[in-house]
Amino acid sequence: MNSHLPQYPSCLLREDIGEYVAHLQLHMTLQARNLVPTLTQAGDSRELLLQQTQAHFEKLVSRQPL
Protein backbone atom coordinates (compact mmCIF):
# COMPACT_ATOMS: atom_id res chain seq x y z
CA MET A 1 0.00 0.00 0.00
CA ASN A 2 2.86 2.41 0.74
CA SER A 3 4.33 1.68 -2.68
CA HIS A 4 1.56 3.80 -4.28
CA LEU A 5 2.45 7.01 -2.42
CA PRO A 6 5.44 8.00 -4.60
CA GLN A 7 3.26 7.75 -7.72
CA TYR A 8 0.86 10.55 -6.75
CA PRO A 9 3.24 13.51 -7.20
CA SER A 10 4.08 12.40 -10.73
CA CYS A 11 0.36 12.16 -11.55
CA LEU A 12 -0.16 15.70 -10.30
CA LEU A 13 2.78 16.91 -12.36
CA ARG A 14 1.32 15.26 -15.46
CA GLU A 15 -2.02 16.99 -14.81
CA ASP A 16 -0.26 20.37 -14.44
CA ILE A 17 1.65 19.83 -17.68
CA GLY A 18 -1.56 18.71 -19.39
CA GLU A 19 -3.33 21.90 -18.28
CA TYR A 20 -0.42 24.01 -19.51
CA VAL A 21 -0.47 22.28 -22.89
CA ALA A 22 -4.23 22.79 -23.17
CA HIS A 23 -3.84 26.52 -22.45
CA LEU A 24 -1.00 26.76 -24.95
CA GLN A 25 -3.06 25.02 -27.63
CA LEU A 26 -5.97 27.39 -27.01
CA HIS A 27 -3.70 30.41 -27.30
CA MET A 28 -2.15 29.08 -30.50
CA THR A 29 -5.60 28.44 -31.98
CA LEU A 30 -6.75 31.96 -31.16
CA GLN A 31 -3.52 33.40 -32.53
CA ALA A 32 -3.98 31.43 -35.75
CA ARG A 33 -7.47 32.88 -36.13
CA ASN A 34 -6.13 36.38 -35.51
CA LEU A 35 -8.40 36.81 -32.49
CA VAL A 36 -5.40 37.61 -30.34
CA PRO A 37 -3.49 40.71 -31.44
CA THR A 38 0.21 40.21 -32.10
CA LEU A 39 2.69 41.99 -29.89
CA THR A 40 4.06 44.40 -32.47
CA GLN A 41 4.76 48.09 -32.07
CA ALA A 42 1.42 49.81 -31.45
CA GLY A 43 0.50 52.50 -33.95
CA ASP A 44 -1.60 54.55 -31.56
CA SER A 45 -2.78 54.65 -27.95
CA ARG A 46 -5.86 52.51 -28.68
CA GLU A 47 -3.75 49.69 -30.11
CA LEU A 48 -1.37 49.96 -27.16
CA LEU A 49 -4.26 49.77 -24.69
CA LEU A 50 -5.66 46.74 -26.55
CA GLN A 51 -2.30 44.96 -26.44
CA GLN A 52 -1.81 45.72 -22.74
CA THR A 53 -5.33 44.55 -21.91
CA GLN A 54 -4.89 41.35 -23.92
CA ALA A 55 -1.55 40.57 -22.25
CA HIS A 56 -3.05 41.22 -18.80
CA PHE A 57 -6.07 39.02 -19.57
CA GLU A 58 -3.90 36.17 -20.86
CA LYS A 59 -1.75 36.37 -17.73
CA LEU A 60 -4.83 36.17 -15.49
CA VAL A 61 -6.37 33.29 -17.43
CA SER A 62 -3.13 31.31 -17.47
CA ARG A 63 -2.97 31.49 -13.66
CA GLN A 64 -6.57 30.38 -13.06
CA PRO A 65 -6.98 26.86 -11.71
CA LEU A 66 -9.29 24.62 -13.74
C-alpha atoms as a PDB file:
ATOM      1  CA  MET A   1       0.000   0.000   0.000  1.00  0.00           C
ATOM      2  CA  ASN A   2       2.863   2.413   0.738  1.00  0.00           C
ATOM      3  CA  SER A   3       4.332   1.675  -2.684  1.00  0.00           C
ATOM      4  CA  HIS A   4       1.559   3.796  -4.275  1.00  0.00           C
ATOM      5  CA  LEU A   5       2.448   7.013  -2.419  1.00  0.00           C
ATOM      6  CA  PRO A   6       5.436   8.003  -4.598  1.00  0.00           C
ATOM      7  CA  GLN A   7       3.257   7.755  -7.719  1.00  0.00           C
ATOM      8  CA  TYR A   8       0.857  10.554  -6.753  1.00  0.00           C
ATOM      9  CA  PRO A   9       3.244  13.513  -7.196  1.00  0.00           C
ATOM     10  CA  SER A  10       4.084  12.396 -10.726  1.00  0.00           C
ATOM     11  CA  CYS A  11       0.363  12.163 -11.551  1.00  0.00           C
ATOM     12  CA  LEU A  12      -0.163  15.704 -10.298  1.00  0.00           C
ATOM     13  CA  LEU A  13       2.783  16.906 -12.357  1.00  0.00           C
ATOM     14  CA  ARG A  14       1.321  15.255 -15.459  1.00  0.00           C
ATOM     15  CA  GLU A  15      -2.018  16.994 -14.812  1.00  0.00           C
ATOM     16  CA  ASP A  16      -0.262  20.370 -14.443  1.00  0.00           C
ATOM     17  CA  ILE A  17       1.645  19.830 -17.676  1.00  0.00           C
ATOM     18  CA  GLY A  18      -1.556  18.715 -19.387  1.00  0.00           C
ATOM     19  CA  GLU A  19      -3.331  21.903 -18.284  1.00  0.00           C
ATOM     20  CA  TYR A  20      -0.421  24.005 -19.508  1.00  0.00           C
ATOM     21  CA  VAL A  21      -0.467  22.281 -22.894  1.00  0.00           C
ATOM     22  CA  ALA A  22      -4.235  22.794 -23.167  1.00  0.00           C
ATOM     23  CA  HIS A  23      -3.839  26.525 -22.450  1.00  0.00           C
ATOM     24  CA  LEU A  24      -1.003  26.764 -24.946  1.00  0.00           C
ATOM     25  CA  GLN A  25      -3.058  25.017 -27.627  1.00  0.00           C
ATOM     26  CA  LEU A  26      -5.974  27.387 -27.006  1.00  0.00           C
ATOM     27  CA  HIS A  27      -3.702  30.411 -27.300  1.00  0.00           C
ATOM     28  CA  MET A  28      -2.145  29.081 -30.497  1.00  0.00           C
ATOM     29  CA  THR A  29      -5.601  28.441 -31.977  1.00  0.00           C
ATOM     30  CA  LEU A  30      -6.749  31.964 -31.158  1.00  0.00           C
ATOM     31  CA  GLN A  31      -3.520  33.398 -32.527  1.00  0.00           C
ATOM     32  CA  ALA A  32      -3.975  31.431 -35.746  1.00  0.00           C
ATOM     33  CA  ARG A  33      -7.467  32.877 -36.125  1.00  0.00           C
ATOM     34  CA  ASN A  34      -6.131  36.378 -35.506  1.00  0.00           C
ATOM     35  CA  LEU A  35      -8.395  36.811 -32.495  1.00  0.00           C
ATOM     36  CA  VAL A  36      -5.399  37.609 -30.337  1.00  0.00           C
ATOM     37  CA  PRO A  37      -3.486  40.712 -31.439  1.00  0.00           C
ATOM     38  CA  THR A  38       0.207  40.207 -32.105  1.00  0.00           C
ATOM     39  CA  LEU A  39       2.692  41.995 -29.889  1.00  0.00           C
ATOM     40  CA  THR A  40       4.057  44.401 -32.473  1.00  0.00           C
ATOM     41  CA  GLN A  41       4.758  48.091 -32.066  1.00  0.00           C
ATOM     42  CA  ALA A  42       1.417  49.814 -31.451  1.00  0.00           C
ATOM     43  CA  GLY A  43       0.499  52.502 -33.954  1.00  0.00           C
ATOM     44  CA  ASP A  44      -1.603  54.555 -31.560  1.00  0.00           C
ATOM     45  CA  SER A  45      -2.778  54.651 -27.954  1.00  0.00           C
ATOM     46  CA  ARG A  46      -5.858  52.507 -28.682  1.00  0.00           C
ATOM     47  CA  GLU A  47      -3.747  49.686 -30.106  1.00  0.00           C
ATOM     48  CA  LEU A  48      -1.369  49.961 -27.161  1.00  0.00           C
ATOM     49  CA  LEU A  49      -4.265  49.769 -24.691  1.00  0.00           C
ATOM     50  CA  LEU A  50      -5.662  46.743 -26.546  1.00  0.00           C
ATOM     51  CA  GLN A  51      -2.302  44.958 -26.438  1.00  0.00           C
ATOM     52  CA  GLN A  52      -1.811  45.720 -22.739  1.00  0.00           C
ATOM     53  CA  THR A  53      -5.329  44.548 -21.915  1.00  0.00           C
ATOM     54  CA  GLN A  54      -4.891  41.347 -23.918  1.00  0.00           C
ATOM     55  CA  ALA A  55      -1.555  40.573 -22.247  1.00  0.00           C
ATOM     56  CA  HIS A  56      -3.052  41.216 -18.797  1.00  0.00           C
ATOM     57  CA  PHE A  57      -6.071  39.019 -19.575  1.00  0.00           C
ATOM     58  CA  GLU A  58      -3.897  36.168 -20.860  1.00  0.00           C
ATOM     59  CA  LYS A  59      -1.754  36.365 -17.725  1.00  0.00           C
ATOM     60  CA  LEU A  60      -4.833  36.174 -15.487  1.00  0.00           C
ATOM     61  CA  VAL A  61      -6.370  33.288 -17.428  1.00  0.00           C
ATOM     62  CA  SER A  62      -3.133  31.308 -17.468  1.00  0.00           C
ATOM     63  CA  ARG A  63      -2.965  31.489 -13.665  1.00  0.00           C
ATOM     64  CA  GLN A  64      -6.566  30.381 -13.058  1.00  0.00           C
ATOM     65  CA  PRO A  65      -6.978  26.855 -11.709  1.00  0.00           C
ATOM     66  CA  LEU A  66      -9.285  24.624 -13.742  1.00  0.00           C
END
